[in-house]
Amino acid sequence: MRQVARLVLATCFSFSSRAAEAPTRSVRWEGFASAKPALVVSATSKSAAALIHRHLDEADDPSKVLSVRVRFESDASSDLPPLSGKWTRLPDGVKFEPEFPLVPGLKYEATFRSHDGENVVRVTQSLPKKPLKPQATVSAVYPSTDVLPENLLKFYLHFSHPMNRGGIYQHIALLDDKEQPIDLPFLEIGEELWDPEQKRLTLLIDPGRIKRGVKPLEDIGPAIESGKRYTLHISRKWEDGRGVQMKSDHRKEFRVGPPDRSPPNPMSWHITRPTLKTREPLKIRFPESLDHALASRVIWIEDANRDPVIGKVRLQKHETHWSLVPERPWKTGRYHLRAELILEDLAGNSIGRPFEVDVFERIDDGIKELPFGRSFKIGE
């Protein structure tokens, strides 16, 4: 069922070319929601209507009698060109139909004047914006596993639609098992860590509450403690790029395990080789969950010519399984597993370097190459 959307621009105004003729007229928008609205000028008498018609007939341009312009606060309406459209006589006045639909939210100024310029009436009104429905949701939170190390470094929040910048921390809370918020668990920085599409946010745990020997950890304690349960709560009041709140709240519940202070070691990764001359995925299994964003980007396979194998990369099973489906079937030969040393686990330990370096311990994991490389064969 079509709903009528009638917008009254003004109640009444007086117009006359002689003092003896002082008819009263109204100016209003009329139209259906599915059609272009029309501006209607109506008179209260036949003589008043005849006067309107005469002014239109005598004008070389109808827009000099009845016109509609977009009105901006910083611009004079008279400096803007009038909307193009069609003028039609009515028994009691005149109707103007814009050539193009009006834009909800913009302010329009309707001007009616006599051809001699003695009588001018202006009325302005904004077409109301159509209410926007919530669309955005939290599509994923990484790490996806529900057991996280006590020295967890970051979360990645993925949204279904671009989100607004600014004030993000008022919409994110870390709750304990009694639903009470943890005090200042995140590193609140002015330059929010968004991807270019504004659909992925990197949320850092305050490093001062992770590294041993640092004052915040000694005075306040870790943001999350081993053996306890927590909930990352994301409020539906967070607005998307259109300024509309999300569809619903999002909660990620997890349990905390012991801290992880050992760097990832690619020599411990298990490689499952595909069948020759197929496009089966090459699979790599990690002994622990790795950083989702980095593992998707800084691990790759090279062929015997040191050229990257092009294909689709997937991370599964709580970021412990990496796979590559090639664009072309696998050929016989030697391949190389490569990984940049910036690859991190959930605690921020990277290949060959712990996030927290203990100067009293000797670090030697045997990894010397930059970047890491490991060879294997397919078909032999």
Protein backbone atom coordinates (compact mmCIF):
# COMPACT_ATOMS: atom_id res chain seq x y z
CA MET A 1 0.00 0.00 0.00
CA ARG A 2 1.40 3.35 -1.00
CA GLN A 3 1.60 5.89 1.76
CA VAL A 4 0.94 9.53 1.04
CA ALA A 5 3.82 11.81 2.00
CA ARG A 6 2.43 15.34 2.16
CA LEU A 7 4.75 18.07 3.32
CA VAL A 8 3.30 21.52 4.00
CA LEU A 9 5.87 24.24 3.35
CA ALA A 10 3.82 27.10 4.70
CA THR A 11 0.34 27.64 5.94
CA CYS A 12 -0.75 30.79 4.18
CA PHE A 13 0.61 33.98 2.76
CA SER A 14 -0.84 37.11 1.16
CA PHE A 15 -0.16 38.17 -2.39
CA SER A 16 -1.52 41.09 -4.34
CA SER A 17 -0.61 43.46 -7.10
CA ARG A 18 -3.12 46.06 -5.91
CA ALA A 19 -4.22 46.87 -2.42
CA ALA A 20 -7.80 46.14 -3.40
CA GLU A 21 -6.85 42.57 -4.25
CA ALA A 22 -5.48 40.81 -1.18
CA PRO A 23 -6.30 37.14 -1.70
CA THR A 24 -4.75 34.49 0.56
CA ARG A 25 -2.99 31.49 -0.87
CA SER A 26 -1.10 28.41 0.44
CA VAL A 27 2.05 26.74 -0.81
CA ARG A 28 2.52 23.05 -0.17
CA TRP A 29 4.28 19.95 -1.40
CA GLU A 30 2.05 17.10 -2.41
CA GLY A 31 2.91 13.65 -3.66
CA PHE A 32 3.27 9.99 -3.05
CA ALA A 33 6.36 8.40 -1.57
CA SER A 34 6.87 6.51 -4.81
CA ALA A 35 6.49 9.59 -7.05
CA LYS A 36 8.10 12.98 -7.41
CA PRO A 37 6.36 15.53 -5.17
CA ALA A 38 4.77 18.63 -6.69
CA LEU A 39 4.76 22.20 -5.42
CA VAL A 40 1.21 23.56 -5.43
CA VAL A 41 0.23 27.24 -5.13
CA SER A 42 -3.48 27.64 -4.52
CA ALA A 43 -5.71 30.71 -4.25
CA THR A 44 -8.89 31.20 -2.25
CA SER A 45 -10.83 32.87 -5.04
CA LYS A 46 -11.27 32.70 -8.79
CA SER A 47 -9.93 36.23 -9.19
CA ALA A 48 -6.81 35.31 -7.21
CA ALA A 49 -6.28 32.24 -9.40
CA ALA A 50 -6.73 34.36 -12.52
CA LEU A 51 -4.11 36.74 -11.18
CA ILE A 52 -1.63 33.88 -10.77
CA HIS A 53 -2.33 32.69 -14.31
CA ARG A 54 -1.87 36.18 -15.69
CA HIS A 55 1.50 36.58 -14.02
CA LEU A 56 2.63 33.29 -15.55
CA ASP A 57 1.40 34.33 -18.98
CA GLU A 58 3.17 37.66 -18.81
CA ALA A 59 6.48 36.24 -17.61
CA ASP A 60 9.04 35.28 -20.25
CA ASP A 61 10.24 32.50 -17.92
CA PRO A 62 7.79 30.72 -15.58
CA SER A 63 10.57 30.21 -13.01
CA LYS A 64 10.60 33.98 -12.50
CA VAL A 65 7.11 33.61 -11.02
CA LEU A 66 7.32 30.25 -9.28
CA SER A 67 10.71 28.64 -8.62
CA VAL A 68 12.34 26.13 -6.32
CA ARG A 69 16.00 26.20 -5.32
CA VAL A 70 18.22 24.22 -3.03
CA ARG A 71 18.94 26.31 0.03
CA PHE A 72 22.28 26.18 1.85
CA GLU A 73 23.00 28.21 4.95
CA SER A 74 26.22 29.57 3.47
CA ASP A 75 24.69 30.52 0.10
CA ALA A 76 22.10 33.07 -0.94
CA SER A 77 19.17 31.24 -2.50
CA SER A 78 18.93 33.75 -5.31
CA ASP A 79 22.45 32.89 -6.44
CA LEU A 80 21.57 29.26 -7.11
CA PRO A 81 19.84 28.12 -10.31
CA PRO A 82 16.20 27.03 -9.97
CA LEU A 83 15.17 23.42 -10.40
CA SER A 84 13.99 22.52 -13.87
CA GLY A 85 10.50 21.14 -14.22
CA LYS A 86 6.98 21.56 -15.59
CA TRP A 87 4.39 24.22 -14.70
CA THR A 88 0.71 23.34 -14.95
CA ARG A 89 -2.36 25.54 -14.46
CA LEU A 90 -4.85 24.43 -11.84
CA PRO A 91 -8.39 25.77 -11.44
CA ASP A 92 -7.34 27.47 -8.20
CA GLY A 93 -3.66 28.14 -8.89
CA VAL A 94 -0.59 26.48 -10.36
CA LYS A 95 1.48 23.32 -9.87
CA PHE A 96 5.22 22.85 -10.35
CA GLU A 97 6.61 19.36 -10.86
CA PRO A 98 10.43 19.06 -10.60
CA GLU A 99 12.11 17.16 -13.42
CA PHE A 100 14.08 15.08 -10.92
CA PRO A 101 13.09 13.74 -7.49
CA LEU A 102 13.90 15.90 -4.50
CA VAL A 103 16.64 14.67 -2.19
CA PRO A 104 15.57 13.80 1.37
CA GLY A 105 17.48 15.84 3.91
CA LEU A 106 18.14 18.85 1.64
CA LYS A 107 16.47 22.18 2.31
CA TYR A 108 14.47 23.71 -0.53
CA GLU A 109 13.26 27.26 -0.96
CA ALA A 110 10.05 27.95 -2.93
CA THR A 111 9.68 31.49 -4.26
CA PHE A 112 6.50 32.98 -5.70
CA ARG A 113 6.54 36.53 -7.07
CA SER A 114 4.51 38.78 -9.37
CA HIS A 115 5.95 39.50 -12.78
CA ASP A 116 6.56 43.13 -11.79
CA GLY A 117 8.46 42.06 -8.69
CA GLU A 118 6.20 43.98 -6.30
CA ASN A 119 5.13 40.92 -4.32
CA VAL A 120 7.60 38.22 -3.28
CA VAL A 121 7.00 35.32 -0.91
CA ARG A 122 9.59 32.72 0.08
CA VAL A 123 9.13 29.60 2.15
CA THR A 124 11.76 26.99 2.99
CA GLN A 125 11.42 23.43 4.17
CA SER A 126 13.52 20.27 4.31
CA LEU A 127 12.26 17.01 2.98
CA PRO A 128 12.65 14.60 5.91
CA LYS A 129 15.26 11.92 5.58
CA LYS A 130 13.96 8.42 5.25
CA PRO A 131 14.74 6.43 8.39
CA LEU A 132 17.71 4.16 7.83
CA LYS A 133 17.53 0.60 9.06
CA PRO A 134 20.39 -0.95 11.06
CA GLN A 135 22.65 -3.05 8.87
CA ALA A 136 26.04 -3.42 10.54
CA THR A 137 26.95 -6.43 12.64
CA VAL A 138 30.15 -7.84 14.10
CA SER A 139 30.94 -10.52 11.55
CA ALA A 140 33.94 -12.03 13.35
CA VAL A 141 36.29 -11.58 16.29
CA TYR A 142 39.84 -12.93 16.22
CA PRO A 143 41.42 -14.83 17.85
CA SER A 144 38.49 -17.17 17.25
CA THR A 145 39.55 -19.72 19.85
CA ASP A 146 37.83 -19.60 23.25
CA VAL A 147 41.05 -20.23 25.20
CA LEU A 148 43.46 -17.28 25.12
CA PRO A 149 46.86 -16.76 26.76
CA GLU A 150 47.11 -14.49 29.78
CA ASN A 151 49.47 -12.23 27.82
CA LEU A 152 47.14 -11.89 24.79
CA LEU A 153 48.23 -8.88 22.74
CA LYS A 154 45.31 -7.98 20.48
CA PHE A 155 41.83 -8.61 19.14
CA TYR A 156 40.67 -8.06 15.58
CA LEU A 157 37.08 -6.90 15.23
CA HIS A 158 35.51 -7.48 11.81
CA PHE A 159 32.32 -5.67 10.81
CA SER A 160 29.88 -6.39 8.00
CA HIS A 161 29.75 -2.70 6.97
CA PRO A 162 32.11 0.30 7.26
CA MET A 163 32.02 1.84 10.73
CA ASN A 164 32.44 5.33 12.17
CA ARG A 165 35.76 6.46 13.54
CA GLY A 166 36.19 8.11 16.90
CA GLY A 167 35.08 7.20 20.42
CA ILE A 168 35.39 3.46 19.83
CA TYR A 169 36.35 2.63 23.41
CA GLN A 170 32.98 3.72 24.78
CA HIS A 171 31.42 0.86 22.82
CA ILE A 172 33.86 -1.89 23.86
CA ALA A 173 34.10 -3.47 27.30
CA LEU A 174 36.00 -6.38 28.77
CA LEU A 175 33.83 -8.01 31.44
CA ASP A 176 34.81 -10.46 34.17
CA ASP A 177 32.79 -13.55 35.10
CA LYS A 178 30.45 -11.35 37.17
CA GLU A 179 29.77 -9.06 34.18
CA GLN A 180 31.81 -6.27 35.80
CA PRO A 181 34.05 -4.20 33.48
CA ILE A 182 37.82 -4.57 33.75
CA ASP A 183 39.45 -1.20 34.36
CA LEU A 184 41.40 0.16 31.35
CA PRO A 185 42.37 -3.14 29.69
CA PHE A 186 43.01 -1.64 26.24
CA LEU A 187 45.70 0.64 24.88
CA GLU A 188 43.53 3.66 24.05
CA ILE A 189 45.26 5.53 21.26
CA GLY A 190 44.02 8.52 19.29
CA GLU A 191 44.95 7.03 15.92
CA GLU A 192 42.52 4.13 15.75
CA LEU A 193 43.84 1.09 13.91
CA TRP A 194 41.33 0.62 11.09
CA ASP A 195 41.83 -1.04 7.73
CA PRO A 196 41.21 1.19 4.66
CA GLU A 197 37.60 -0.01 4.35
CA GLN A 198 36.80 0.83 8.00
CA LYS A 199 35.59 -2.75 8.44
CA ARG A 200 38.40 -4.20 10.57
CA LEU A 201 39.65 -2.72 13.84
CA THR A 202 42.80 -3.83 15.65
CA LEU A 203 42.22 -3.61 19.40
CA LEU A 204 45.41 -3.74 21.48
CA ILE A 205 45.65 -4.93 25.07
CA ASP A 206 47.71 -2.45 27.10
CA PRO A 207 51.31 -3.81 26.80
CA GLY A 208 52.03 -2.36 30.24
CA ARG A 209 49.73 -5.03 31.65
CA ILE A 210 51.49 -7.81 29.74
CA LYS A 211 55.25 -7.35 30.14
CA ARG A 212 56.81 -8.42 33.41
CA GLY A 213 58.73 -5.79 35.32
CA VAL A 214 56.58 -2.95 33.97
CA LYS A 215 54.86 -0.72 36.52
CA PRO A 216 51.23 -1.08 35.34
CA LEU A 217 51.49 -4.87 35.56
CA GLU A 218 53.00 -4.65 39.05
CA ASP A 219 50.52 -2.04 40.33
CA ILE A 220 47.25 -3.13 38.64
CA GLY A 221 47.91 -6.66 37.47
CA PRO A 222 47.22 -8.29 34.11
CA ALA A 223 44.15 -7.29 32.13
CA ILE A 224 43.11 -10.95 32.03
CA GLU A 225 44.25 -13.66 34.45
CA SER A 226 44.91 -17.34 33.88
CA GLY A 227 42.13 -19.63 35.03
CA LYS A 228 39.38 -17.02 34.78
CA ARG A 229 36.60 -16.38 32.26
CA TYR A 230 35.89 -13.10 30.48
CA THR A 231 33.59 -11.59 27.88
CA LEU A 232 34.49 -9.07 25.20
CA HIS A 233 31.30 -7.02 24.82
CA ILE A 234 30.67 -4.81 21.78
CA SER A 235 27.70 -2.48 22.10
CA ARG A 236 25.01 -2.12 19.45
CA LYS A 237 25.18 1.67 20.04
CA TRP A 238 28.30 1.75 17.85
CA GLU A 239 27.34 3.60 14.67
CA ASP A 240 28.22 2.59 11.14
CA GLY A 241 29.47 4.94 8.44
CA ARG A 242 25.90 6.18 7.86
CA GLY A 243 25.48 7.16 11.50
CA VAL A 244 23.10 4.25 12.23
CA GLN A 245 23.56 1.96 15.22
CA MET A 246 24.34 -1.72 14.75
CA LYS A 247 21.70 -4.42 14.65
CA SER A 248 22.66 -5.97 17.97
CA ASP A 249 25.29 -6.34 20.67
CA HIS A 250 28.07 -8.88 20.18
CA ARG A 251 29.72 -10.99 22.88
CA LYS A 252 32.82 -13.16 22.71
CA GLU A 253 33.24 -15.34 25.77
CA PHE A 254 36.60 -16.95 26.48
CA ARG A 255 38.72 -18.64 29.10
CA VAL A 256 42.28 -17.60 29.92
CA GLY A 257 45.20 -20.01 29.99
CA PRO A 258 48.83 -19.58 31.05
CA PRO A 259 50.97 -16.88 29.40
CA ASP A 260 52.80 -17.78 26.19
CA ARG A 261 56.38 -16.51 26.03
CA SER A 262 57.81 -18.83 23.34
CA PRO A 263 58.26 -17.57 19.75
CA PRO A 264 56.61 -19.50 16.91
CA ASN A 265 58.97 -22.04 15.37
CA PRO A 266 58.15 -22.91 11.72
CA MET A 267 60.32 -26.02 11.99
CA SER A 268 57.54 -27.52 14.13
CA TRP A 269 54.86 -26.87 11.54
CA HIS A 270 53.41 -29.96 9.89
CA ILE A 271 53.09 -29.83 6.09
CA THR A 272 50.53 -31.99 4.27
CA ARG A 273 51.56 -32.18 0.62
CA PRO A 274 48.88 -32.31 -2.09
CA THR A 275 48.51 -34.91 -4.81
CA LEU A 276 50.53 -34.23 -7.96
CA LYS A 277 48.66 -32.74 -10.94
CA THR A 278 45.67 -31.72 -8.81
CA ARG A 279 44.50 -28.47 -7.25
CA GLU A 280 44.23 -30.02 -3.83
CA PRO A 281 45.16 -27.61 -1.04
CA LEU A 282 48.61 -27.66 0.46
CA LYS A 283 48.01 -27.68 4.22
CA ILE A 284 50.12 -26.48 7.13
CA ARG A 285 49.19 -27.23 10.74
CA PHE A 286 50.57 -25.02 13.52
CA PRO A 287 50.96 -26.23 17.12
CA GLU A 288 49.25 -23.03 18.32
CA SER A 289 46.89 -20.33 17.05
CA LEU A 290 48.65 -17.58 15.12
CA ASP A 291 47.78 -13.93 14.50
CA HIS A 292 44.90 -14.01 12.01
CA ALA A 293 45.80 -10.92 9.97
CA LEU A 294 49.51 -11.71 9.74
CA ALA A 295 49.16 -15.43 9.05
CA SER A 296 46.84 -14.61 6.14
CA ARG A 297 49.42 -12.26 4.65
CA VAL A 298 53.04 -13.21 5.46
CA ILE A 299 53.07 -16.97 4.80
CA TRP A 300 53.47 -18.13 1.19
CA ILE A 301 54.77 -20.95 -0.98
CA GLU A 302 57.43 -20.58 -3.68
CA ASP A 303 58.11 -22.97 -6.55
CA ALA A 304 61.55 -24.21 -7.68
CA ASN A 305 62.12 -20.89 -9.49
CA ARG A 306 61.42 -18.94 -6.29
CA ASP A 307 58.18 -17.59 -7.76
CA PRO A 308 55.18 -17.40 -5.41
CA VAL A 309 52.48 -20.00 -6.05
CA ILE A 310 49.31 -18.03 -6.78
CA GLY A 311 46.13 -19.26 -5.15
CA LYS A 312 43.58 -18.84 -2.40
CA VAL A 313 44.76 -18.84 1.22
CA ARG A 314 42.48 -19.93 4.05
CA LEU A 315 42.90 -20.01 7.83
CA GLN A 316 40.78 -22.50 9.75
CA LYS A 317 40.37 -24.31 13.06
CA HIS A 318 41.04 -21.30 15.26
CA GLU A 319 43.95 -20.12 13.11
CA THR A 320 45.92 -23.35 13.55
CA HIS A 321 45.43 -24.60 9.96
CA TRP A 322 46.73 -22.71 6.92
CA SER A 323 45.97 -23.89 3.40
CA LEU A 324 46.66 -22.82 -0.18
CA VAL A 325 44.48 -23.84 -3.12
CA PRO A 326 46.56 -23.09 -6.26
CA GLU A 327 45.16 -21.56 -9.42
CA ARG A 328 46.91 -24.28 -11.44
CA PRO A 329 47.60 -27.97 -10.67
CA TRP A 330 50.71 -28.84 -8.68
CA LYS A 331 53.78 -29.87 -10.68
CA THR A 332 56.57 -32.20 -9.71
CA GLY A 333 59.42 -30.40 -8.04
CA ARG A 334 60.83 -28.67 -5.00
CA TYR A 335 58.82 -26.02 -3.18
CA HIS A 336 59.68 -23.64 -0.38
CA LEU A 337 57.59 -22.63 2.61
CA ARG A 338 58.32 -18.97 3.36
CA ALA A 339 57.27 -16.80 6.31
CA GLU A 340 58.18 -13.26 7.25
CA LEU A 341 59.73 -12.95 10.70
CA ILE A 342 57.01 -10.48 11.71
CA LEU A 343 54.56 -13.39 11.95
CA GLU A 344 53.20 -13.48 15.51
CA ASP A 345 51.32 -15.79 17.83
CA LEU A 346 48.48 -14.55 20.03
CA ALA A 347 50.89 -13.10 22.60
CA GLY A 348 52.84 -11.02 20.09
CA ASN A 349 55.85 -13.36 20.02
CA SER A 350 57.28 -13.31 16.50
CA ILE A 351 59.51 -15.82 14.72
CA GLY A 352 62.84 -15.87 16.54
CA ARG A 353 61.89 -13.09 18.99
CA PRO A 354 59.66 -13.18 22.09
CA PHE A 355 57.40 -10.20 22.67
CA GLU A 356 58.85 -9.97 26.16
CA VAL A 357 62.62 -10.34 26.14
CA ASP A 358 64.09 -11.54 29.42
CA VAL A 359 67.69 -10.28 29.52
CA PHE A 360 68.56 -13.00 32.05
CA GLU A 361 67.72 -15.78 29.62
CA ARG A 362 69.65 -16.73 26.49
CA ILE A 363 67.42 -16.79 23.44
CA ASP A 364 68.44 -19.30 20.80
CA ASP A 365 65.76 -21.09 18.82
CA GLY A 366 68.01 -21.99 15.89
CA ILE A 367 66.19 -19.79 13.36
CA LYS A 368 68.64 -17.60 11.45
CA GLU A 369 67.16 -17.05 7.98
CA LEU A 370 65.42 -13.83 6.92
CA PRO A 371 62.69 -14.56 6.05
CA PHE A 372 62.28 -18.10 7.22
CA GLY A 373 62.53 -20.79 4.50
CA ARG A 374 61.85 -24.47 4.49
CA SER A 375 61.98 -26.79 1.46
CA PHE A 376 59.88 -29.82 0.55
CA LYS A 377 59.03 -31.83 -2.58
CA ILE A 378 55.79 -32.66 -4.35
CA GLY A 379 55.55 -35.72 -6.56
CA GLU A 380 58.79 -37.37 -5.48
